[in-house]
């Protein structure tokens, strides 16, 4: 391996987020006979990255070199919430339990996930996200227990 490829390679990796908070909670509303509201919240400070450049015309061929040490820059922080509403029903004279569920994912509709990479290559797209989080999504479902 070319020892020059290790220049500026030390530092935190791209999944290194120094601050992370994850909270979960559920509350059953007593006056709605089984309606539960659940939520999750996740916060992560941005992932580490640093600028690279592609050098051509070298005797050993084209090389990508790290101009900045990893961790010099950070992706935007992630602040994402998900919510679930669930109503249960018990039909009379039956052992069945029916549940109707509605999940809302990415309530804040944040598009950039801090765990996803930014474009490290020097140029016009430096720092642009290479992947996006899923948008706000609604999922409906029914569960039958017997």
Protein backbone atom coordinates (compact mmCIF):
# COMPACT_ATOMS: atom_id res chain seq x y z
CA UNK A 1 0.00 0.00 0.00
CA UNK A 2 1.19 3.50 -0.78
CA UNK A 3 2.22 5.16 2.54
CA UNK A 4 1.20 8.55 1.14
CA UNK A 5 -2.43 7.37 1.05
CA UNK A 6 -2.42 7.57 4.86
CA UNK A 7 -1.72 11.32 4.98
CA UNK A 8 -4.42 13.03 7.08
CA UNK A 9 -6.24 9.70 7.52
CA UNK A 10 -6.26 9.89 11.31
CA UNK A 11 -9.17 11.45 13.14
CA UNK A 12 -12.75 10.46 13.86
CA UNK A 13 -14.54 8.30 11.31
CA UNK A 14 -17.66 9.44 9.46
CA UNK A 15 -19.99 7.71 11.95
CA UNK A 16 -18.46 9.49 14.95
CA UNK A 17 -21.19 11.66 16.51
CA UNK A 18 -20.00 13.04 19.86
CA UNK A 19 -23.52 13.79 21.14
CA UNK A 20 -26.47 11.43 20.79
CA UNK A 21 -29.86 11.47 22.53
CA UNK A 22 -32.58 8.86 21.99
CA UNK A 23 -35.91 9.07 23.85
CA UNK A 24 -38.95 6.78 23.69
CA UNK A 25 -42.30 7.12 25.39
CA UNK A 26 -45.87 5.82 25.39
CA UNK A 27 -49.00 7.23 26.98
CA UNK A 28 -52.42 5.55 27.03
CA UNK A 29 -55.29 8.04 27.15
CA UNK A 30 -57.73 6.69 29.79
CA UNK A 31 -60.80 8.51 28.45
CA UNK A 32 -60.43 7.08 24.92
CA UNK A 33 -60.59 3.39 25.89
CA UNK A 34 -57.25 2.13 24.71
CA UNK A 35 -55.88 4.95 22.52
CA UNK A 36 -52.12 4.95 22.88
CA UNK A 37 -49.76 7.66 21.67
CA UNK A 38 -46.11 6.67 21.34
CA UNK A 39 -43.14 8.66 20.21
CA UNK A 40 -39.45 8.43 19.60
CA UNK A 41 -37.00 11.29 19.30
CA UNK A 42 -33.42 11.04 18.12
CA UNK A 43 -30.74 13.70 18.07
CA UNK A 44 -27.20 13.13 16.82
CA UNK A 45 -24.55 15.74 16.30
CA UNK A 46 -23.03 15.70 12.82
CA UNK A 47 -20.70 13.04 11.45
CA UNK A 48 -17.04 13.80 10.72
CA UNK A 49 -15.58 14.40 7.27
CA UNK A 50 -12.75 16.26 5.56
CA UNK A 51 -11.95 17.47 2.05
CA UNK A 52 -10.18 15.28 -0.52
CA UNK A 53 -8.75 15.98 -3.97
CA UNK A 54 -8.02 13.82 -7.00
CA UNK A 55 -4.52 14.32 -8.42
CA UNK A 56 -3.85 13.14 -11.97
CA UNK A 57 -0.70 12.89 -14.04
CA UNK A 58 1.40 11.19 -11.37
CA UNK A 59 3.85 8.44 -12.22
CA UNK A 60 1.94 5.97 -10.04
CA UNK A 61 -1.39 6.96 -11.63
CA UNK A 62 -4.37 8.95 -10.42
CA UNK A 63 -4.49 9.32 -6.63
CA UNK A 64 -7.13 10.61 -4.21
CA UNK A 65 -5.47 12.41 -1.33
CA UNK A 66 -6.96 13.78 1.84
CA UNK A 67 -6.43 17.56 1.99
CA UNK A 68 -8.01 17.94 5.45
CA UNK A 69 -7.93 15.59 8.39
CA UNK A 70 -11.18 13.71 8.95
CA UNK A 71 -13.22 15.58 11.54
CA UNK A 72 -12.27 19.02 10.24
CA UNK A 73 -15.90 19.38 9.10
CA UNK A 74 -19.19 17.93 10.32
CA UNK A 75 -22.47 17.07 8.61
CA UNK A 76 -25.61 18.83 9.92
CA UNK A 77 -27.08 17.50 13.15
CA UNK A 78 -29.99 15.05 13.00
CA UNK A 79 -33.16 15.89 14.93
CA UNK A 80 -35.88 13.43 14.03
CA UNK A 81 -39.21 12.41 15.64
CA UNK A 82 -41.61 9.53 14.94
CA UNK A 83 -45.16 9.19 16.35
CA UNK A 84 -47.58 6.25 16.57
CA UNK A 85 -51.31 6.32 17.35
CA UNK A 86 -52.95 2.99 18.19
CA UNK A 87 -56.59 2.33 19.09
CA UNK A 88 -57.59 -1.11 20.35
CA UNK A 89 -61.06 -2.64 20.16
CA UNK A 90 -62.45 -5.80 21.75
CA UNK A 91 -65.62 -7.00 19.97
CA UNK A 92 -68.34 -8.24 22.33
CA UNK A 93 -68.45 -11.95 23.13
CA UNK A 94 -65.16 -12.53 21.33
CA UNK A 95 -61.57 -13.26 22.24
CA UNK A 96 -60.33 -11.13 19.35
CA UNK A 97 -58.50 -7.88 19.92
CA UNK A 98 -58.34 -5.48 16.99
CA UNK A 99 -55.90 -2.60 16.79
CA UNK A 100 -55.80 0.21 14.25
CA UNK A 101 -52.40 1.89 13.95
CA UNK A 102 -51.11 5.06 12.32
CA UNK A 103 -47.37 5.72 12.24
CA UNK A 104 -45.86 9.04 11.18
CA UNK A 105 -42.15 8.75 10.46
CA UNK A 106 -39.82 11.78 10.27
CA UNK A 107 -42.43 14.21 11.64
CA UNK A 108 -39.98 17.12 11.34
CA UNK A 109 -39.32 16.13 7.68
CA UNK A 110 -35.57 16.61 8.05
CA UNK A 111 -33.92 15.65 4.77
CA UNK A 112 -30.28 15.13 5.74
CA UNK A 113 -29.32 12.32 8.08
CA UNK A 114 -26.18 13.01 10.15
CA UNK A 115 -25.05 9.41 9.66
CA UNK A 116 -25.04 9.88 5.89
CA UNK A 117 -22.00 11.15 4.06
CA UNK A 118 -21.22 14.50 2.58
CA UNK A 119 -19.33 14.77 -0.70
CA UNK A 120 -15.67 15.09 0.34
CA UNK A 121 -14.26 15.70 -3.15
CA UNK A 122 -13.00 19.21 -3.87
CA UNK A 123 -15.10 21.08 -6.39
CA UNK A 124 -18.52 22.63 -6.86
CA UNK A 125 -20.32 19.86 -4.92
CA UNK A 126 -18.01 19.89 -1.88
CA UNK A 127 -20.10 19.28 1.23
CA UNK A 128 -23.26 18.36 -0.65
CA UNK A 129 -25.09 15.36 0.86
CA UNK A 130 -24.67 12.14 -1.07
CA UNK A 131 -27.78 10.50 0.44
CA UNK A 132 -31.03 11.77 1.94
CA UNK A 133 -33.31 10.52 4.71
CA UNK A 134 -36.76 9.27 3.83
CA UNK A 135 -39.36 12.09 3.79
CA UNK A 136 -42.27 12.35 6.20
CA UNK A 137 -44.20 9.11 5.77
CA UNK A 138 -47.57 7.84 7.00
CA UNK A 139 -48.17 4.13 7.51
CA UNK A 140 -51.58 2.72 8.39
CA UNK A 141 -52.11 -0.79 9.72
CA UNK A 142 -54.47 -3.21 11.43
CA UNK A 143 -53.47 -5.86 13.95
CA UNK A 144 -55.63 -8.83 14.97
CA UNK A 145 -54.82 -10.79 18.12
CA UNK A 146 -56.60 -13.95 19.22
